[in-house]
Amino acid sequence: MCGSKGFNDACCPSGQIFQEQLCGNFNGGIDGQEQIVWQAPVGDYFEGTFEIFNSASSTADVTGTITPTGTVGPIPPGFSMSVSALNPTAFTITAPAGTSGKFCITLYKRVLA
């Protein structure tokens, strides 16, 4: 039975934690239209940190939505904000016309060897 004698005598090694980071740029579009910047199947990641920087040259606030629950913002021009979420599956940015900036996503996944 796995784990009955501790790790050295067990057949099941401990899981490994992997970190992935994705960054990119966004440009505002039609007001109220969301841009999907990342998606994954349910259960792929156990945690993520989602950050948005709204450029100082932007003319409006920007907001991010983390599925299943979580909101980043509203973020005024020239500011950034980050939020961590458990079991994320998608991240969208609502960027009105006249806005631009950057986003970074740090994801954590547990993988069994």
N, C-alpha and C. Protein backbone atom coordinates (compact mmCIF):
# COMPACT_ATOMS: atom_id res chain seq x y z
N MET A 1 0.85 -1.17 0.00
CA MET A 1 0.00 0.00 0.00
C MET A 1 0.90 1.24 0.00
N CYS A 2 0.57 2.19 -0.85
CA CYS A 2 1.38 3.40 -0.96
C CYS A 2 1.34 4.20 0.34
N GLY A 3 2.53 4.62 0.79
CA GLY A 3 2.63 5.48 1.94
C GLY A 3 2.54 4.79 3.28
N SER A 4 2.39 3.47 3.32
CA SER A 4 2.23 2.79 4.59
C SER A 4 3.51 2.74 5.41
N LYS A 5 4.69 2.90 4.76
CA LYS A 5 5.96 2.84 5.47
C LYS A 5 6.75 4.14 5.35
N GLY A 6 6.11 5.21 5.02
CA GLY A 6 6.82 6.47 4.84
C GLY A 6 7.30 6.62 3.41
N PHE A 7 7.85 7.78 3.09
CA PHE A 7 8.20 8.09 1.70
C PHE A 7 9.25 7.15 1.11
N ASN A 8 10.33 6.85 1.84
CA ASN A 8 11.41 6.04 1.27
C ASN A 8 10.99 4.63 0.92
N ASP A 9 10.07 4.05 1.66
CA ASP A 9 9.62 2.69 1.39
C ASP A 9 8.30 2.66 0.64
N ALA A 10 7.74 3.80 0.33
CA ALA A 10 6.44 3.85 -0.32
C ALA A 10 6.58 3.84 -1.83
N CYS A 11 5.51 3.46 -2.50
CA CYS A 11 5.54 3.42 -3.96
C CYS A 11 5.06 4.74 -4.57
N CYS A 12 4.55 5.65 -3.79
CA CYS A 12 4.02 6.91 -4.31
C CYS A 12 4.89 8.08 -3.87
N PRO A 13 5.62 8.69 -4.78
CA PRO A 13 6.42 9.86 -4.40
C PRO A 13 5.54 11.09 -4.17
N SER A 14 6.08 12.07 -3.51
CA SER A 14 5.36 13.32 -3.29
C SER A 14 5.15 14.04 -4.62
N GLY A 15 4.08 14.80 -4.70
CA GLY A 15 3.83 15.60 -5.89
C GLY A 15 4.81 16.75 -5.99
N GLN A 16 5.04 17.20 -7.20
CA GLN A 16 5.92 18.34 -7.45
C GLN A 16 5.04 19.56 -7.76
N ILE A 17 5.43 20.73 -7.27
CA ILE A 17 4.71 21.97 -7.55
C ILE A 17 5.45 22.70 -8.66
N PHE A 18 4.72 23.03 -9.73
CA PHE A 18 5.27 23.78 -10.85
C PHE A 18 4.64 25.15 -10.90
N GLN A 19 5.45 26.13 -11.25
CA GLN A 19 4.99 27.51 -11.40
C GLN A 19 5.15 27.91 -12.86
N GLU A 20 4.11 28.50 -13.42
CA GLU A 20 4.16 29.02 -14.79
C GLU A 20 3.82 30.50 -14.75
N GLN A 21 4.48 31.28 -15.61
CA GLN A 21 4.17 32.71 -15.68
C GLN A 21 3.90 33.08 -17.13
N LEU A 22 2.79 33.77 -17.33
CA LEU A 22 2.38 34.25 -18.65
C LEU A 22 2.19 35.75 -18.56
N CYS A 23 2.77 36.49 -19.49
CA CYS A 23 2.60 37.94 -19.52
C CYS A 23 2.28 38.37 -20.93
N GLY A 24 1.59 39.48 -21.05
CA GLY A 24 1.24 40.00 -22.37
C GLY A 24 0.72 41.42 -22.28
N ASN A 25 0.38 41.95 -23.44
CA ASN A 25 -0.16 43.30 -23.55
C ASN A 25 -1.63 43.23 -23.95
N PHE A 26 -2.36 44.27 -23.61
CA PHE A 26 -3.75 44.38 -24.08
C PHE A 26 -3.99 45.78 -24.59
N ASN A 27 -4.93 45.89 -25.50
CA ASN A 27 -5.39 47.18 -26.03
C ASN A 27 -6.89 47.21 -25.94
N GLY A 28 -7.41 48.35 -25.53
CA GLY A 28 -8.86 48.49 -25.40
C GLY A 28 -9.57 48.35 -26.73
N GLY A 29 -10.79 47.91 -26.63
CA GLY A 29 -11.61 47.72 -27.82
C GLY A 29 -12.95 48.38 -27.63
N ILE A 30 -13.96 47.66 -28.03
CA ILE A 30 -15.33 48.14 -27.89
C ILE A 30 -15.68 48.15 -26.40
N ASP A 31 -16.29 49.24 -25.92
CA ASP A 31 -16.64 49.37 -24.51
C ASP A 31 -17.44 48.16 -24.02
N GLY A 32 -17.02 47.63 -22.88
CA GLY A 32 -17.73 46.52 -22.27
C GLY A 32 -17.41 45.15 -22.83
N GLN A 33 -16.59 45.09 -23.87
CA GLN A 33 -16.26 43.79 -24.46
C GLN A 33 -15.08 43.17 -23.72
N GLU A 34 -15.24 41.92 -23.30
CA GLU A 34 -14.19 41.23 -22.57
C GLU A 34 -13.23 40.55 -23.55
N GLN A 35 -11.95 40.53 -23.18
CA GLN A 35 -10.93 39.82 -23.95
C GLN A 35 -10.46 38.65 -23.11
N ILE A 36 -10.64 37.43 -23.60
CA ILE A 36 -10.15 36.26 -22.88
C ILE A 36 -8.65 36.19 -23.12
N VAL A 37 -7.85 36.27 -22.04
CA VAL A 37 -6.40 36.23 -22.19
C VAL A 37 -5.80 34.91 -21.73
N TRP A 38 -6.60 34.07 -21.00
CA TRP A 38 -6.11 32.76 -20.56
C TRP A 38 -7.28 31.87 -20.20
N GLN A 39 -7.17 30.56 -20.55
CA GLN A 39 -8.16 29.55 -20.18
C GLN A 39 -7.47 28.23 -19.93
N ALA A 40 -8.05 27.41 -19.03
CA ALA A 40 -7.52 26.08 -18.75
C ALA A 40 -8.67 25.19 -18.30
N PRO A 41 -8.52 23.87 -18.45
CA PRO A 41 -9.56 22.95 -17.97
C PRO A 41 -9.68 23.00 -16.44
N VAL A 42 -10.85 22.68 -15.94
CA VAL A 42 -11.09 22.63 -14.50
C VAL A 42 -10.12 21.63 -13.87
N GLY A 43 -9.47 22.03 -12.78
CA GLY A 43 -8.57 21.16 -12.05
C GLY A 43 -7.11 21.20 -12.49
N ASP A 44 -6.79 21.92 -13.55
CA ASP A 44 -5.40 21.99 -14.01
C ASP A 44 -4.50 22.75 -13.04
N TYR A 45 -4.99 23.83 -12.45
CA TYR A 45 -4.19 24.67 -11.57
C TYR A 45 -4.91 24.84 -10.24
N PHE A 46 -4.15 24.78 -9.13
CA PHE A 46 -4.79 24.91 -7.83
C PHE A 46 -4.76 26.34 -7.32
N GLU A 47 -3.92 27.21 -7.92
CA GLU A 47 -3.89 28.61 -7.51
C GLU A 47 -3.27 29.45 -8.61
N GLY A 48 -3.63 30.74 -8.61
CA GLY A 48 -3.04 31.67 -9.56
C GLY A 48 -3.06 33.08 -9.01
N THR A 49 -2.10 33.89 -9.47
CA THR A 49 -2.07 35.31 -9.15
C THR A 49 -2.21 36.06 -10.47
N PHE A 50 -3.12 37.01 -10.52
CA PHE A 50 -3.47 37.72 -11.74
C PHE A 50 -3.23 39.20 -11.52
N GLU A 51 -2.38 39.80 -12.37
CA GLU A 51 -2.02 41.20 -12.22
C GLU A 51 -2.29 41.95 -13.53
N ILE A 52 -2.81 43.16 -13.38
CA ILE A 52 -3.05 44.04 -14.53
C ILE A 52 -2.40 45.39 -14.23
N PHE A 53 -1.69 45.92 -15.22
CA PHE A 53 -1.19 47.29 -15.17
C PHE A 53 -1.92 48.09 -16.24
N ASN A 54 -2.58 49.17 -15.85
CA ASN A 54 -3.29 50.05 -16.77
C ASN A 54 -2.37 51.24 -17.05
N SER A 55 -1.98 51.41 -18.29
CA SER A 55 -1.04 52.45 -18.69
C SER A 55 -1.50 53.84 -18.25
N ALA A 56 -0.55 54.69 -17.92
CA ALA A 56 -0.86 56.07 -17.53
C ALA A 56 -1.49 56.85 -18.68
N SER A 57 -1.26 56.41 -19.91
CA SER A 57 -1.85 57.10 -21.07
C SER A 57 -3.28 56.63 -21.36
N SER A 58 -3.78 55.66 -20.61
CA SER A 58 -5.16 55.19 -20.80
C SER A 58 -6.14 56.28 -20.40
N THR A 59 -7.34 56.20 -20.97
CA THR A 59 -8.36 57.21 -20.71
C THR A 59 -9.50 56.70 -19.83
N ALA A 60 -9.41 55.44 -19.37
CA ALA A 60 -10.50 54.87 -18.55
C ALA A 60 -9.95 53.74 -17.67
N ASP A 61 -10.77 53.29 -16.75
CA ASP A 61 -10.43 52.16 -15.88
C ASP A 61 -10.48 50.84 -16.65
N VAL A 62 -9.73 49.85 -16.15
CA VAL A 62 -9.70 48.50 -16.72
C VAL A 62 -10.05 47.54 -15.60
N THR A 63 -10.74 46.44 -15.93
CA THR A 63 -11.13 45.44 -14.95
C THR A 63 -10.80 44.05 -15.46
N GLY A 64 -10.40 43.16 -14.56
CA GLY A 64 -10.17 41.76 -14.89
C GLY A 64 -11.15 40.89 -14.15
N THR A 65 -11.51 39.75 -14.75
CA THR A 65 -12.41 38.78 -14.12
C THR A 65 -11.74 37.42 -14.13
N ILE A 66 -11.66 36.80 -12.95
CA ILE A 66 -11.10 35.47 -12.80
C ILE A 66 -12.25 34.50 -12.61
N THR A 67 -12.31 33.47 -13.44
CA THR A 67 -13.34 32.45 -13.30
C THR A 67 -12.76 31.31 -12.47
N PRO A 68 -13.46 30.78 -11.48
CA PRO A 68 -14.88 30.90 -11.23
C PRO A 68 -15.28 32.14 -10.42
N THR A 69 -14.41 32.66 -9.56
CA THR A 69 -14.77 33.88 -8.83
C THR A 69 -13.54 34.74 -8.61
N GLY A 70 -13.70 36.01 -8.76
CA GLY A 70 -12.62 36.94 -8.49
C GLY A 70 -12.64 38.10 -9.46
N THR A 71 -12.29 39.26 -8.96
CA THR A 71 -12.23 40.46 -9.78
C THR A 71 -10.95 41.21 -9.48
N VAL A 72 -10.35 41.73 -10.53
CA VAL A 72 -9.16 42.57 -10.40
C VAL A 72 -9.59 43.96 -10.88
N GLY A 73 -9.67 44.90 -9.97
CA GLY A 73 -10.04 46.25 -10.36
C GLY A 73 -11.39 46.65 -9.83
N PRO A 74 -11.86 47.81 -10.30
CA PRO A 74 -11.36 48.59 -11.44
C PRO A 74 -10.01 49.25 -11.15
N ILE A 75 -9.20 49.33 -12.20
CA ILE A 75 -7.85 49.87 -12.09
C ILE A 75 -7.77 51.18 -12.88
N PRO A 76 -7.52 52.29 -12.20
CA PRO A 76 -7.42 53.57 -12.91
C PRO A 76 -6.12 53.68 -13.71
N PRO A 77 -6.06 54.58 -14.68
CA PRO A 77 -4.84 54.78 -15.47
C PRO A 77 -3.63 55.05 -14.57
N GLY A 78 -2.50 54.39 -14.90
CA GLY A 78 -1.26 54.58 -14.17
C GLY A 78 -1.08 53.68 -12.96
N PHE A 79 -2.03 52.79 -12.71
CA PHE A 79 -1.96 51.92 -11.54
C PHE A 79 -1.98 50.45 -11.94
N SER A 80 -1.58 49.59 -11.00
CA SER A 80 -1.67 48.14 -11.19
C SER A 80 -2.32 47.52 -9.97
N MET A 81 -2.83 46.31 -10.16
CA MET A 81 -3.47 45.58 -9.07
C MET A 81 -3.30 44.10 -9.34
N SER A 82 -3.13 43.32 -8.26
CA SER A 82 -3.07 41.87 -8.41
C SER A 82 -3.98 41.20 -7.39
N VAL A 83 -4.50 40.03 -7.78
CA VAL A 83 -5.39 39.25 -6.94
C VAL A 83 -5.03 37.78 -7.11
N SER A 84 -5.03 37.03 -6.01
CA SER A 84 -4.82 35.59 -6.06
C SER A 84 -6.16 34.88 -5.99
N ALA A 85 -6.25 33.73 -6.64
CA ALA A 85 -7.49 32.96 -6.66
C ALA A 85 -7.20 31.47 -6.64
N LEU A 86 -8.09 30.72 -6.02
CA LEU A 86 -7.97 29.26 -5.98
C LEU A 86 -8.69 28.64 -7.17
N ASN A 87 -8.12 27.59 -7.72
CA ASN A 87 -8.70 26.80 -8.80
C ASN A 87 -9.17 27.63 -10.00
N PRO A 88 -8.31 28.52 -10.52
CA PRO A 88 -8.74 29.36 -11.64
C PRO A 88 -8.88 28.56 -12.94
N THR A 89 -9.83 28.99 -13.77
CA THR A 89 -10.01 28.34 -15.08
C THR A 89 -9.99 29.32 -16.24
N ALA A 90 -10.14 30.62 -15.97
CA ALA A 90 -10.11 31.61 -17.06
C ALA A 90 -9.83 33.00 -16.49
N PHE A 91 -9.29 33.86 -17.35
CA PHE A 91 -9.03 35.25 -16.98
C PHE A 91 -9.38 36.11 -18.17
N THR A 92 -10.27 37.08 -17.94
CA THR A 92 -10.67 38.00 -19.00
C THR A 92 -10.39 39.43 -18.54
N ILE A 93 -10.13 40.29 -19.51
CA ILE A 93 -9.89 41.71 -19.23
C ILE A 93 -10.93 42.52 -19.99
N THR A 94 -11.57 43.43 -19.28
CA THR A 94 -12.49 44.38 -19.90
C THR A 94 -11.75 45.70 -20.00
N ALA A 95 -11.41 46.07 -21.24
CA ALA A 95 -10.60 47.27 -21.50
C ALA A 95 -11.33 48.13 -22.52
N PRO A 96 -11.92 49.23 -22.07
CA PRO A 96 -12.63 50.12 -22.99
C PRO A 96 -11.69 50.75 -24.03
N ALA A 97 -12.25 51.31 -25.07
CA ALA A 97 -11.47 52.03 -26.08
C ALA A 97 -10.64 53.10 -25.38
N GLY A 98 -9.42 53.29 -25.83
CA GLY A 98 -8.54 54.30 -25.25
C GLY A 98 -7.70 53.79 -24.09
N THR A 99 -7.75 52.49 -23.85
CA THR A 99 -6.94 51.92 -22.77
C THR A 99 -5.93 50.93 -23.34
N SER A 100 -4.85 50.74 -22.59
CA SER A 100 -3.85 49.74 -22.95
C SER A 100 -3.04 49.43 -21.69
N GLY A 101 -2.31 48.35 -21.73
CA GLY A 101 -1.50 47.99 -20.58
C GLY A 101 -0.93 46.60 -20.70
N LYS A 102 -0.55 46.04 -19.56
CA LYS A 102 0.06 44.72 -19.50
C LYS A 102 -0.64 43.87 -18.45
N PHE A 103 -0.54 42.56 -18.62
CA PHE A 103 -1.04 41.63 -17.62
C PHE A 103 0.01 40.55 -17.38
N CYS A 104 0.03 40.02 -16.17
CA CYS A 104 0.89 38.88 -15.84
C CYS A 104 0.06 37.90 -15.01
N ILE A 105 0.23 36.63 -15.31
CA ILE A 105 -0.47 35.56 -14.62
C ILE A 105 0.58 34.58 -14.11
N THR A 106 0.55 34.28 -12.83
CA THR A 106 1.43 33.26 -12.25
C THR A 106 0.53 32.12 -11.78
N LEU A 107 0.78 30.92 -12.32
CA LEU A 107 -0.07 29.76 -12.04
C LEU A 107 0.72 28.68 -11.32
N TYR A 108 0.03 27.94 -10.47
CA TYR A 108 0.64 26.86 -9.69
C TYR A 108 -0.10 25.56 -9.95
N LYS A 109 0.66 24.52 -10.27
CA LYS A 109 0.10 23.22 -10.60
C LYS A 109 0.84 22.14 -9.82
N ARG A 110 0.11 21.18 -9.30
CA ARG A 110 0.72 20.04 -8.60
C ARG A 110 0.69 18.86 -9.55
N VAL A 111 1.86 18.26 -9.76
CA VAL A 111 2.01 17.15 -10.69
C VAL A 111 2.59 15.96 -9.94
N LEU A 112 1.94 14.81 -10.08
CA LEU A 112 2.44 13.58 -9.47
C LEU A 112 3.41 12.91 -10.44
N ALA A 113 4.56 12.48 -9.96
CA ALA A 113 5.57 11.84 -10.81
C ALA A 113 5.21 10.42 -11.11
